[in-house]
């Protein structure tokens, strides 16, 4: 299974789990797509492209790893229904941006919204 196929499967599994747990199927969710790199300049270029693609982009954060290395990360945020086709389209767009700039795409997250 390719990395893209794995993320598309993740989209389905995550949406199914949220709905199975009782999250509101009609709500609009703040979806946070995660990016990371040990190279700030590459990450910054990916953030610009994500912004141009219509996502709200948060400030990059710096994390110190257990081995003493540094990792930079940011979130690209969009307001979305729990629509797998839309999430798949976002994933494809953002993975293309990550690949272009040689940064790591690390999936997405959101919050449970009670029905």
PDB file of N, CA and C in Angstrom:
ATOM      1  N   UNK A   1       0.846  -1.171   0.000  1.00  0.00           N
ATOM      2  CA  UNK A   1       0.000   0.000   0.000  1.00  0.00           C
ATOM      3  C   UNK A   1       0.900   1.246   0.000  1.00  0.00           C
ATOM      4  N   UNK A   2       0.602   2.197  -0.869  1.00  0.00           N
ATOM      5  CA  UNK A   2       1.391   3.428  -0.946  1.00  0.00           C
ATOM      6  C   UNK A   2       1.093   4.325   0.251  1.00  0.00           C
ATOM      7  N   UNK A   3       1.944   5.314   0.460  1.00  0.00           N
ATOM      8  CA  UNK A   3       1.718   6.255   1.551  1.00  0.00           C
ATOM      9  C   UNK A   3       0.385   6.990   1.364  1.00  0.00           C
ATOM     10  N   UNK A   4       0.080   7.390   0.126  1.00  0.00           N
ATOM     11  CA  UNK A   4      -1.192   8.061  -0.138  1.00  0.00           C
ATOM     12  C   UNK A   4      -2.362   7.144   0.205  1.00  0.00           C
ATOM     13  N   UNK A   5      -2.303   5.901  -0.210  1.00  0.00           N
ATOM     14  CA  UNK A   5      -3.385   4.960   0.095  1.00  0.00           C
ATOM     15  C   UNK A   5      -3.555   4.776   1.605  1.00  0.00           C
ATOM     16  N   UNK A   6      -2.439   4.780   2.325  1.00  0.00           N
ATOM     17  CA  UNK A   6      -2.512   4.653   3.784  1.00  0.00           C
ATOM     18  C   UNK A   6      -3.213   5.856   4.400  1.00  0.00           C
ATOM     19  N   UNK A   7      -2.904   7.064   3.907  1.00  0.00           N
ATOM     20  CA  UNK A   7      -3.563   8.261   4.445  1.00  0.00           C
ATOM     21  C   UNK A   7      -5.032   8.303   4.065  1.00  0.00           C
ATOM     22  N   UNK A   8      -5.377   7.853   2.870  1.00  0.00           N
ATOM     23  CA  UNK A   8      -6.785   7.819   2.474  1.00  0.00           C
ATOM     24  C   UNK A   8      -7.559   6.823   3.345  1.00  0.00           C
ATOM     25  N   UNK A   9      -6.937   5.696   3.662  1.00  0.00           N
ATOM     26  CA  UNK A   9      -7.555   4.730   4.577  1.00  0.00           C
ATOM     27  C   UNK A   9      -7.700   5.353   5.971  1.00  0.00           C
ATOM     28  N   UNK A  10      -6.700   6.095   6.409  1.00  0.00           N
ATOM     29  CA  UNK A  10      -6.763   6.807   7.694  1.00  0.00           C
ATOM     30  C   UNK A  10      -7.960   7.749   7.714  1.00  0.00           C
ATOM     31  N   UNK A  11      -8.196   8.466   6.605  1.00  0.00           N
ATOM     32  CA  UNK A  11      -9.337   9.383   6.538  1.00  0.00           C
ATOM     33  C   UNK A  11     -10.637   8.642   6.810  1.00  0.00           C
ATOM     34  N   UNK A  12     -10.823   7.517   6.146  1.00  0.00           N
ATOM     35  CA  UNK A  12     -12.049   6.741   6.309  1.00  0.00           C
ATOM     36  C   UNK A  12     -12.188   6.199   7.737  1.00  0.00           C
ATOM     37  N   UNK A  13     -11.104   5.642   8.233  1.00  0.00           N
ATOM     38  CA  UNK A  13     -11.130   5.069   9.583  1.00  0.00           C
ATOM     39  C   UNK A  13     -11.434   6.135  10.638  1.00  0.00           C
ATOM     40  N   UNK A  14     -10.845   7.312  10.477  1.00  0.00           N
ATOM     41  CA  UNK A  14     -11.039   8.381  11.453  1.00  0.00           C
ATOM     42  C   UNK A  14     -12.464   8.911  11.417  1.00  0.00           C
ATOM     43  N   UNK A  15     -12.989   9.150  10.219  1.00  0.00           N
ATOM     44  CA  UNK A  15     -14.374   9.615  10.092  1.00  0.00           C
ATOM     45  C   UNK A  15     -15.319   8.564  10.648  1.00  0.00           C
ATOM     46  N   UNK A  16     -15.110   7.300  10.292  1.00  0.00           N
ATOM     47  CA  UNK A  16     -15.966   6.221  10.804  1.00  0.00           C
ATOM     48  C   UNK A  16     -15.928   6.162  12.330  1.00  0.00           C
ATOM     49  N   UNK A  17     -14.738   6.306  12.917  1.00  0.00           N
ATOM     50  CA  UNK A  17     -14.600   6.241  14.376  1.00  0.00           C
ATOM     51  C   UNK A  17     -15.295   7.419  15.045  1.00  0.00           C
ATOM     52  N   UNK A  18     -15.140   8.623  14.494  1.00  0.00           N
ATOM     53  CA  UNK A  18     -15.813   9.788  15.069  1.00  0.00           C
ATOM     54  C   UNK A  18     -17.326   9.610  15.054  1.00  0.00           C
ATOM     55  N   UNK A  19     -17.842   9.175  13.911  1.00  0.00           N
ATOM     56  CA  UNK A  19     -19.289   8.999  13.799  1.00  0.00           C
ATOM     57  C   UNK A  19     -19.788   7.858  14.674  1.00  0.00           C
ATOM     58  N   UNK A  20     -19.033   6.766  14.747  1.00  0.00           N
ATOM     59  CA  UNK A  20     -19.419   5.632  15.593  1.00  0.00           C
ATOM     60  C   UNK A  20     -19.442   6.022  17.069  1.00  0.00           C
ATOM     61  N   UNK A  21     -18.581   6.960  17.455  1.00  0.00           N
ATOM     62  CA  UNK A  21     -18.541   7.426  18.842  1.00  0.00           C
ATOM     63  C   UNK A  21     -19.616   8.462  19.142  1.00  0.00           C
ATOM     64  N   UNK A  22     -20.380   8.863  18.113  1.00  0.00           N
ATOM     65  CA  UNK A  22     -21.486   9.782  18.336  1.00  0.00           C
ATOM     66  C   UNK A  22     -21.196  11.232  18.007  1.00  0.00           C
ATOM     67  N   UNK A  23     -20.088  11.503  17.321  1.00  0.00           N
ATOM     68  CA  UNK A  23     -19.813  12.880  16.924  1.00  0.00           C
ATOM     69  C   UNK A  23     -20.865  13.324  15.906  1.00  0.00           C
ATOM     70  N   UNK A  24     -21.222  14.597  15.937  1.00  0.00           N
ATOM     71  CA  UNK A  24     -22.303  15.154  15.122  1.00  0.00           C
ATOM     72  C   UNK A  24     -21.986  15.044  13.628  1.00  0.00           C
ATOM     73  N   UNK A  25     -22.774  14.265  12.882  1.00  0.00           N
ATOM     74  CA  UNK A  25     -22.498  14.090  11.451  1.00  0.00           C
ATOM     75  C   UNK A  25     -22.787  15.344  10.624  1.00  0.00           C
ATOM     76  N   UNK A  26     -23.538  16.293  11.186  1.00  0.00           N
ATOM     77  CA  UNK A  26     -23.912  17.496  10.448  1.00  0.00           C
ATOM     78  C   UNK A  26     -23.098  18.727  10.836  1.00  0.00           C
ATOM     79  N   UNK A  27     -22.175  18.576  11.756  1.00  0.00           N
ATOM     80  CA  UNK A  27     -21.376  19.713  12.221  1.00  0.00           C
ATOM     81  C   UNK A  27     -20.276  20.056  11.212  1.00  0.00           C
ATOM     82  N   UNK A  28     -19.786  21.260  11.332  1.00  0.00           N
ATOM     83  CA  UNK A  28     -18.610  21.683  10.577  1.00  0.00           C
ATOM     84  C   UNK A  28     -17.424  21.589  11.536  1.00  0.00           C
ATOM     85  N   UNK A  29     -16.386  20.907  11.105  1.00  0.00           N
ATOM     86  CA  UNK A  29     -15.224  20.616  11.938  1.00  0.00           C
ATOM     87  C   UNK A  29     -14.025  21.451  11.519  1.00  0.00           C
ATOM     88  N   UNK A  30     -13.243  21.833  12.473  1.00  0.00           N
ATOM     89  CA  UNK A  30     -11.962  22.465  12.206  1.00  0.00           C
ATOM     90  C   UNK A  30     -10.943  21.335  12.047  1.00  0.00           C
ATOM     91  N   UNK A  31     -10.514  21.127  10.803  1.00  0.00           N
ATOM     92  CA  UNK A  31      -9.572  20.046  10.496  1.00  0.00           C
ATOM     93  C   UNK A  31      -8.163  20.622  10.472  1.00  0.00           C
ATOM     94  N   UNK A  32      -7.276  20.055  11.272  1.00  0.00           N
ATOM     95  CA  UNK A  32      -5.896  20.519  11.360  1.00  0.00           C
ATOM     96  C   UNK A  32      -4.976  19.489  10.700  1.00  0.00           C
ATOM     97  N   UNK A  33      -4.442  19.855   9.542  1.00  0.00           N
ATOM     98  CA  UNK A  33      -3.506  19.006   8.808  1.00  0.00           C
ATOM     99  C   UNK A  33      -2.096  19.344   9.281  1.00  0.00           C
ATOM    100  N   UNK A  34      -1.309  18.330   9.612  1.00  0.00           N
ATOM    101  CA  UNK A  34      -0.011  18.519  10.254  1.00  0.00           C
ATOM    102  C   UNK A  34       1.162  18.340   9.286  1.00  0.00           C
ATOM    103  N   UNK A  35       2.139  19.239   9.409  1.00  0.00           N
ATOM    104  CA  UNK A  35       3.374  19.180   8.629  1.00  0.00           C
ATOM    105  C   UNK A  35       4.560  19.297   9.569  1.00  0.00           C
ATOM    106  N   UNK A  36       5.683  18.693   9.188  1.00  0.00           N
ATOM    107  CA  UNK A  36       6.895  18.790  10.000  1.00  0.00           C
ATOM    108  C   UNK A  36       8.132  18.673   9.122  1.00  0.00           C
ATOM    109  N   UNK A  37       9.225  19.274   9.601  1.00  0.00           N
ATOM    110  CA  UNK A  37      10.512  19.176   8.919  1.00  0.00           C
ATOM    111  C   UNK A  37      11.600  19.631   9.877  1.00  0.00           C
ATOM    112  N   UNK A  38      12.803  19.153   9.647  1.00  0.00           N
ATOM    113  CA  UNK A  38      13.930  19.656  10.426  1.00  0.00           C
ATOM    114  C   UNK A  38      14.560  20.868   9.732  1.00  0.00           C
ATOM    115  N   UNK A  39      14.004  21.256   8.577  1.00  0.00           N
ATOM    116  CA  UNK A  39      14.493  22.401   7.812  1.00  0.00           C
ATOM    117  C   UNK A  39      13.411  23.477   7.788  1.00  0.00           C
ATOM    118  N   UNK A  40      13.652  24.574   8.520  1.00  0.00           N
ATOM    119  CA  UNK A  40      12.647  25.619   8.638  1.00  0.00           C
ATOM    120  C   UNK A  40      12.314  26.252   7.290  1.00  0.00           C
ATOM    121  N   UNK A  41      13.313  26.486   6.451  1.00  0.00           N
ATOM    122  CA  UNK A  41      13.069  27.133   5.159  1.00  0.00           C
ATOM    123  C   UNK A  41      12.153  26.307   4.267  1.00  0.00           C
ATOM    124  N   UNK A  42      12.376  25.011   4.236  1.00  0.00           N
ATOM    125  CA  UNK A  42      11.502  24.128   3.442  1.00  0.00           C
ATOM    126  C   UNK A  42      10.080  24.143   3.997  1.00  0.00           C
ATOM    127  N   UNK A  43       9.970  24.097   5.319  1.00  0.00           N
ATOM    128  CA  UNK A  43       8.654  24.094   5.949  1.00  0.00           C
ATOM    129  C   UNK A  43       7.916  25.401   5.665  1.00  0.00           C
ATOM    130  N   UNK A  44       8.651  26.521   5.701  1.00  0.00           N
ATOM    131  CA  UNK A  44       8.046  27.822   5.420  1.00  0.00           C
ATOM    132  C   UNK A  44       7.501  27.889   3.995  1.00  0.00           C
ATOM    133  N   UNK A  45       8.219  27.325   3.040  1.00  0.00           N
ATOM    134  CA  UNK A  45       7.750  27.300   1.648  1.00  0.00           C
ATOM    135  C   UNK A  45       6.496  26.435   1.516  1.00  0.00           C
ATOM    136  N   UNK A  46       6.451  25.333   2.243  1.00  0.00           N
ATOM    137  CA  UNK A  46       5.252  24.481   2.232  1.00  0.00           C
ATOM    138  C   UNK A  46       4.071  25.236   2.835  1.00  0.00           C
ATOM    139  N   UNK A  47       4.314  26.010   3.891  1.00  0.00           N
ATOM    140  CA  UNK A  47       3.248  26.790   4.524  1.00  0.00           C
ATOM    141  C   UNK A  47       2.685  27.824   3.556  1.00  0.00           C
ATOM    142  N   UNK A  48       3.542  28.465   2.779  1.00  0.00           N
ATOM    143  CA  UNK A  48       3.085  29.442   1.790  1.00  0.00           C
ATOM    144  C   UNK A  48       2.206  28.759   0.750  1.00  0.00           C
ATOM    145  N   UNK A  49       2.621  27.596   0.274  1.00  0.00           N
ATOM    146  CA  UNK A  49       1.816  26.867  -0.716  1.00  0.00           C
ATOM    147  C   UNK A  49       0.484  26.393  -0.132  1.00  0.00           C
ATOM    148  N   UNK A  50       0.487  25.971   1.119  1.00  0.00           N
ATOM    149  CA  UNK A  50      -0.764  25.555   1.760  1.00  0.00           C
ATOM    150  C   UNK A  50      -1.713  26.753   1.877  1.00  0.00           C
ATOM    151  N   UNK A  51      -1.171  27.910   2.207  1.00  0.00           N
ATOM    152  CA  UNK A  51      -1.985  29.126   2.275  1.00  0.00           C
ATOM    153  C   UNK A  51      -2.563  29.454   0.904  1.00  0.00           C
ATOM    154  N   UNK A  52      -1.732  29.379  -0.123  1.00  0.00           N
ATOM    155  CA  UNK A  52      -2.196  29.647  -1.488  1.00  0.00           C
ATOM    156  C   UNK A  52      -3.271  28.656  -1.926  1.00  0.00           C
ATOM    157  N   UNK A  53      -3.243  27.455  -1.351  1.00  0.00           N
ATOM    158  CA  UNK A  53      -4.234  26.422  -1.682  1.00  0.00           C
ATOM    159  C   UNK A  53      -5.534  26.611  -0.891  1.00  0.00           C
ATOM    160  N   UNK A  54      -5.606  27.663  -0.063  1.00  0.00           N
ATOM    161  CA  UNK A  54      -6.855  27.971   0.628  1.00  0.00           C
ATOM    162  C   UNK A  54      -6.939  27.574   2.087  1.00  0.00           C
ATOM    163  N   UNK A  55      -5.839  27.151   2.664  1.00  0.00           N
ATOM    164  CA  UNK A  55      -5.836  26.734   4.065  1.00  0.00           C
ATOM    165  C   UNK A  55      -5.361  27.877   4.957  1.00  0.00           C
ATOM    166  N   UNK A  56      -5.903  27.920   6.164  1.00  0.00           N
ATOM    167  CA  UNK A  56      -5.381  28.844   7.169  1.00  0.00           C
ATOM    168  C   UNK A  56      -4.126  28.187   7.725  1.00  0.00           C
ATOM    169  N   UNK A  57      -3.047  28.946   7.786  1.00  0.00           N
ATOM    170  CA  UNK A  57      -1.773  28.366   8.206  1.00  0.00           C
ATOM    171  C   UNK A  57      -1.347  28.974   9.538  1.00  0.00           C
ATOM    172  N   UNK A  58      -1.073  28.111  10.494  1.00  0.00           N
ATOM    173  CA  UNK A  58      -0.613  28.569  11.802  1.00  0.00           C
ATOM    174  C   UNK A  58       0.878  28.841  11.787  1.00  0.00           C
ATOM    175  N   UNK A  59       1.337  29.530  12.824  1.00  0.00           N
ATOM    176  CA  UNK A  59       2.766  29.799  12.968  1.00  0.00           C
ATOM    177  C   UNK A  59       3.513  28.484  13.199  1.00  0.00           C
ATOM    178  N   UNK A  60       4.714  28.433  12.668  1.00  0.00           N
ATOM    179  CA  UNK A  60       5.558  27.254  12.883  1.00  0.00           C
ATOM    180  C   UNK A  60       5.992  27.200  14.347  1.00  0.00           C
ATOM    181  N   UNK A  61       6.042  25.996  14.858  1.00  0.00           N
ATOM    182  CA  UNK A  61       6.518  25.778  16.224  1.00  0.00           C
ATOM    183  C   UNK A  61       7.802  24.960  16.165  1.00  0.00           C
ATOM    184  N   UNK A  62       8.671  25.199  17.134  1.00  0.00           N
ATOM    185  CA  UNK A  62       9.933  24.477  17.218  1.00  0.00           C
ATOM    186  C   UNK A  62       9.846  23.471  18.352  1.00  0.00           C
ATOM    187  N   UNK A  63      10.245  22.241  18.052  1.00  0.00           N
ATOM    188  CA  UNK A  63      10.252  21.195  19.074  1.00  0.00           C
ATOM    189  C   UNK A  63      11.669  20.632  19.187  1.00  0.00           C
ATOM    190  N   UNK A  64      12.112  20.426  20.406  1.00  0.00           N
ATOM    191  CA  UNK A  64      13.402  19.793  20.641  1.00  0.00           C
ATOM    192  C   UNK A  64      13.142  18.302  20.867  1.00  0.00           C
ATOM    193  N   UNK A  65      13.772  17.481  20.064  1.00  0.00           N
ATOM    194  CA  UNK A  65      13.578  16.032  20.144  1.00  0.00           C
ATOM    195  C   UNK A  65      14.431  15.426  21.250  1.00  0.00           C
ATOM    196  N   UNK A  66      14.104  14.206  21.641  1.00  0.00           N
ATOM    197  CA  UNK A  66      14.844  13.507  22.690  1.00  0.00           C
ATOM    198  C   UNK A  66      16.329  13.382  22.375  1.00  0.00           C
ATOM    199  N   UNK A  67      16.657  13.276  21.085  1.00  0.00           N
ATOM    200  CA  UNK A  67      18.067  13.128  20.697  1.00  0.00           C
ATOM    201  C   UNK A  67      18.773  14.475  20.567  1.00  0.00           C
ATOM    202  N   UNK A  68      18.076  15.566  20.916  1.00  0.00           N
ATOM    203  CA  UNK A  68      18.672  16.897  20.845  1.00  0.00           C
ATOM    204  C   UNK A  68      18.437  17.603  19.524  1.00  0.00           C
ATOM    205  N   UNK A  69      17.875  16.897  18.552  1.00  0.00           N
ATOM    206  CA  UNK A  69      17.585  17.508  17.253  1.00  0.00           C
ATOM    207  C   UNK A  69      16.399  18.458  17.345  1.00  0.00           C
ATOM    208  N   UNK A  70      16.235  19.229  16.310  1.00  0.00           N
ATOM    209  CA  UNK A  70      15.146  20.199  16.259  1.00  0.00           C
ATOM    210  C   UNK A  70      14.190  19.834  15.145  1.00  0.00           C
ATOM    211  N   UNK A  71      12.903  19.957  15.420  1.00  0.00           N
ATOM    212  CA  UNK A  71      11.868  19.717  14.436  1.00  0.00           C
ATOM    213  C   UNK A  71      10.939  20.925  14.432  1.00  0.00           C
ATOM    214  N   UNK A  72      10.593  21.373  13.233  1.00  0.00           N
ATOM    215  CA  UNK A  72       9.656  22.478  13.079  1.00  0.00           C
ATOM    216  C   UNK A  72       8.346  21.912  12.547  1.00  0.00           C
ATOM    217  N   UNK A  73       7.227  22.480  12.985  1.00  0.00           N
ATOM    218  CA  UNK A  73       5.941  21.973  12.527  1.00  0.00           C
ATOM    219  C   UNK A  73       4.925  23.111  12.427  1.00  0.00           C
ATOM    220  N   UNK A  74       3.915  22.893  11.589  1.00  0.00           N
ATOM    221  CA  UNK A  74       2.803  23.827  11.501  1.00  0.00           C
ATOM    222  C   UNK A  74       1.558  23.053  11.107  1.00  0.00           C
ATOM    223  N   UNK A  75       0.404  23.691  11.318  1.00  0.00           N
ATOM    224  CA  UNK A  75      -0.880  23.121  10.913  1.00  0.00           C
ATOM    225  C   UNK A  75      -1.474  23.966   9.799  1.00  0.00           C
ATOM    226  N   UNK A  76      -2.059  23.285   8.827  1.00  0.00           N
ATOM    227  CA  UNK A  76      -2.877  23.920   7.794  1.00  0.00           C
ATOM    228  C   UNK A  76      -4.315  23.577   8.151  1.00  0.00           C
ATOM    229  N   UNK A  77      -5.147  24.581   8.375  1.00  0.00           N
ATOM    230  CA  UNK A  77      -6.475  24.374   8.943  1.00  0.00           C
ATOM    231  C   UNK A  77      -7.559  24.735   7.932  1.00  0.00           C
ATOM    232  N   UNK A  78      -8.599  23.915   7.910  1.00  0.00           N
ATOM    233  CA  UNK A  78      -9.774  24.189   7.072  1.00  0.00           C
ATOM    234  C   UNK A  78     -11.024  23.785   7.828  1.00  0.00           C
ATOM    235  N   UNK A  79     -12.094  24.499   7.596  1.00  0.00           N
ATOM    236  CA  UNK A  79     -13.392  24.156   8.170  1.00  0.00           C
ATOM    237  C   UNK A  79     -14.074  23.198   7.197  1.00  0.00           C
ATOM    238  N   UNK A  80     -14.411  22.000   7.659  1.00  0.00           N
ATOM    239  CA  UNK A  80     -14.926  20.957   6.787  1.00  0.00           C
ATOM    240  C   UNK A  80     -16.038  20.165   7.459  1.00  0.00           C
ATOM    241  N   UNK A  81     -16.947  19.629   6.627  1.00  0.00           N
ATOM    242  CA  UNK A  81     -17.854  18.577   7.065  1.00  0.00           C
ATOM    243  C   UNK A  81     -17.020  17.307   7.171  1.00  0.00           C
ATOM    244  N   UNK A  82     -17.552  16.301   7.838  1.00  0.00           N
ATOM    245  CA  UNK A  82     -16.855  15.009   7.865  1.00  0.00           C
ATOM    246  C   UNK A  82     -17.170  14.262   6.571  1.00  0.00           C
ATOM    247  N   UNK A  83     -16.694  14.817   5.487  1.00  0.00           N
ATOM    248  CA  UNK A  83     -16.922  14.295   4.152  1.00  0.00           C
ATOM    249  C   UNK A  83     -15.620  13.671   3.659  1.00  0.00           C
ATOM    250  N   UNK A  84     -15.603  12.359   3.505  1.00  0.00           N
ATOM    251  CA  UNK A  84     -14.376  11.652   3.158  1.00  0.00           C
ATOM    252  C   UNK A  84     -13.817  12.130   1.814  1.00  0.00           C
ATOM    253  N   UNK A  85     -14.690  12.401   0.858  1.00  0.00           N
ATOM    254  CA  UNK A  85     -14.195  12.849  -0.449  1.00  0.00           C
ATOM    255  C   UNK A  85     -13.450  14.176  -0.324  1.00  0.00           C
ATOM    256  N   UNK A  86     -13.973  15.108   0.483  1.00  0.00           N
ATOM    257  CA  UNK A  86     -13.292  16.389   0.693  1.00  0.00           C
ATOM    258  C   UNK A  86     -11.975  16.189   1.433  1.00  0.00           C
ATOM    259  N   UNK A  87     -11.981  15.345   2.453  1.00  0.00           N
ATOM    260  CA  UNK A  87     -10.763  15.061   3.206  1.00  0.00           C
ATOM    261  C   UNK A  87      -9.718  14.386   2.319  1.00  0.00           C
ATOM    262  N   UNK A  88     -10.163  13.504   1.432  1.00  0.00           N
ATOM    263  CA  UNK A  88      -9.240  12.862   0.492  1.00  0.00           C
ATOM    264  C   UNK A  88      -8.633  13.897  -0.451  1.00  0.00           C
ATOM    265  N   UNK A  89      -9.457  14.818  -0.952  1.00  0.00           N
ATOM    266  CA  UNK A  89      -8.950  15.862  -1.855  1.00  0.00           C
ATOM    267  C   UNK A  89      -7.932  16.740  -1.125  1.00  0.00           C
ATOM    268  N   UNK A  90      -8.240  17.112   0.116  1.00  0.00           N
ATOM    269  CA  UNK A  90      -7.289  17.897   0.908  1.00  0.00           C
ATOM    270  C   UNK A  90      -5.986  17.129   1.100  1.00  0.00           C
ATOM    271  N   UNK A  91      -6.097  15.862   1.433  1.00  0.00           N
ATOM    272  CA  UNK A  91      -4.916  15.033   1.666  1.00  0.00           C
ATOM    273  C   UNK A  91      -4.042  14.982   0.423  1.00  0.00           C
ATOM    274  N   UNK A  92      -4.647  14.766  -0.729  1.00  0.00           N
ATOM    275  CA  UNK A  92      -3.877  14.714  -1.983  1.00  0.00           C
ATOM    276  C   UNK A  92      -3.187  16.046  -2.248  1.00  0.00           C
ATOM    277  N   UNK A  93      -3.905  17.150  -2.068  1.00  0.00           N
ATOM    278  CA  UNK A  93      -3.322  18.478  -2.281  1.00  0.00           C
ATOM    279  C   UNK A  93      -2.155  18.719  -1.335  1.00  0.00           C
ATOM    280  N   UNK A  94      -2.358  18.422  -0.062  1.00  0.00           N
ATOM    281  CA  UNK A  94      -1.336  18.719   0.932  1.00  0.00           C
ATOM    282  C   UNK A  94      -0.152  17.763   0.858  1.00  0.00           C
ATOM    283  N   UNK A  95      -0.389  16.515   0.473  1.00  0.00           N
ATOM    284  CA  UNK A  95       0.736  15.599   0.276  1.00  0.00           C
ATOM    285  C   UNK A  95       1.576  16.035  -0.921  1.00  0.00           C
ATOM    286  N   UNK A  96       0.938  16.568  -1.949  1.00  0.00           N
ATOM    287  CA  UNK A  96       1.674  17.082  -3.108  1.00  0.00           C
ATOM    288  C   UNK A  96       2.565  18.245  -2.676  1.00  0.00           C
ATOM    289  N   UNK A  97       2.028  19.132  -1.843  1.00  0.00           N
ATOM    290  CA  UNK A  97       2.818  20.247  -1.323  1.00  0.00           C
ATOM    291  C   UNK A  97       3.977  19.727  -0.478  1.00  0.00           C
ATOM    292  N   UNK A  98       3.710  18.772   0.390  1.00  0.00           N
ATOM    293  CA  UNK A  98       4.768  18.203   1.236  1.00  0.00           C
ATOM    294  C   UNK A  98       5.865  17.572   0.386  1.00  0.00           C
ATOM    295  N   UNK A  99       5.471  16.814  -0.626  1.00  0.00           N
ATOM    296  CA  UNK A  99       6.455  16.178  -1.506  1.00  0.00           C
ATOM    297  C   UNK A  99       7.283  17.216  -2.260  1.00  0.00           C
ATOM    298  N   UNK A 100       6.614  18.262  -2.740  1.00  0.00           N
ATOM    299  CA  UNK A 100       7.303  19.324  -3.494  1.00  0.00           C
ATOM    300  C   UNK A 100       8.420  19.960  -2.670  1.00  0.00           C
ATOM    301  N   UNK A 101       8.163  20.150  -1.378  1.00  0.00           N
ATOM    302  CA  UNK A 101       9.124  20.848  -0.517  1.00  0.00           C
ATOM    303  C   UNK A 101       9.939  19.912   0.366  1.00  0.00           C
ATOM    304  N   UNK A 102       9.740  18.610   0.167  1.00  0.00           N
ATOM    305  CA  UNK A 102      10.483  17.602   0.923  1.00  0.00           C
ATOM    306  C   UNK A 102      10.305  17.784   2.438  1.00  0.00           C
ATOM    307  N   UNK A 103       9.029  17.946   2.847  1.00  0.00           N
ATOM    308  CA  UNK A 103       8.682  17.989   4.263  1.00  0.00           C
ATOM    309  C   UNK A 103       7.724  16.831   4.542  1.00  0.00           C
ATOM    310  N   UNK A 104       7.464  16.584   5.804  1.00  0.00           N
ATOM    311  CA  UNK A 104       6.656  15.437   6.203  1.00  0.00           C
ATOM    312  C   UNK A 104       5.202  15.842   6.425  1.00  0.00           C
ATOM    313  N   UNK A 105       4.288  15.178   5.739  1.00  0.00           N
ATOM    314  CA  UNK A 105       2.851  15.317   5.988  1.00  0.00           C
ATOM    315  C   UNK A 105       2.483  14.291   7.052  1.00  0.00           C
ATOM    316  N   UNK A 106       1.836  14.743   8.126  1.00  0.00           N
ATOM    317  CA  UNK A 106       1.570  13.859   9.266  1.00  0.00           C
ATOM    318  C   UNK A 106       0.082  13.744   9.578  1.00  0.00           C
ATOM    319  N   UNK A 107      -0.757  13.717   8.528  1.00  0.00           N
ATOM    320  CA  UNK A 107      -2.179  13.471   8.738  1.00  0.00           C
ATOM    321  C   UNK A 107      -2.915  14.665   9.307  1.00  0.00           C
ATOM    322  N   UNK A 108      -4.063  14.372   9.907  1.00  0.00           N
ATOM    323  CA  UNK A 108      -4.913  15.440  10.434  1.00  0.00           C
ATOM    324  C   UNK A 108      -5.584  15.019  11.716  1.00  0.00           C
ATOM    325  N   UNK A 109      -6.132  16.018  12.372  1.00  0.00           N
ATOM    326  CA  UNK A 109      -6.895  15.764  13.580  1.00  0.00           C
ATOM    327  C   UNK A 109      -8.020  16.781  13.684  1.00  0.00           C
ATOM    328  N   UNK A 110      -8.962  16.487  14.549  1.00  0.00           N
ATOM    329  CA  UNK A 110     -10.066  17.381  14.832  1.00  0.00           C
ATOM    330  C   UNK A 110     -10.602  17.047  16.203  1.00  0.00           C
ATOM    331  N   UNK A 111     -11.631  17.755  16.611  1.00  0.00           N
ATOM    332  CA  UNK A 111     -12.230  17.510  17.920  1.00  0.00           C
ATOM    333  C   UNK A 111     -13.603  16.861  17.753  1.00  0.00           C
ATOM    334  N   UNK A 112     -13.954  16.043  18.707  1.00  0.00           N
ATOM    335  CA  UNK A 112     -15.279  15.433  18.796  1.00  0.00           C
ATOM    336  C   UNK A 112     -16.297  16.553  19.014  1.00  0.00           C
ATOM    337  N   UNK A 113     -17.393  16.509  18.282  1.00  0.00           N
ATOM    338  CA  UNK A 113     -18.484  17.464  18.486  1.00  0.00           C
ATOM    339  C   UNK A 113     -19.739  16.658  18.816  1.00  0.00           C
ATOM    340  N   UNK A 114     -20.244  16.902  20.004  1.00  0.00           N
ATOM    341  CA  UNK A 114     -21.412  16.151  20.465  1.00  0.00           C
ATOM    342  C   UNK A 114     -22.652  16.462  19.625  1.00  0.00           C
ATOM    343  N   UNK A 115     -23.442  15.427  19.369  1.00  0.00           N
ATOM    344  CA  UNK A 115     -24.692  15.616  18.606  1.00  0.00           C
ATOM    345  C   UNK A 115     -25.738  16.297  19.432  1.00  0.00           C
TER     346      UNK A 115
END
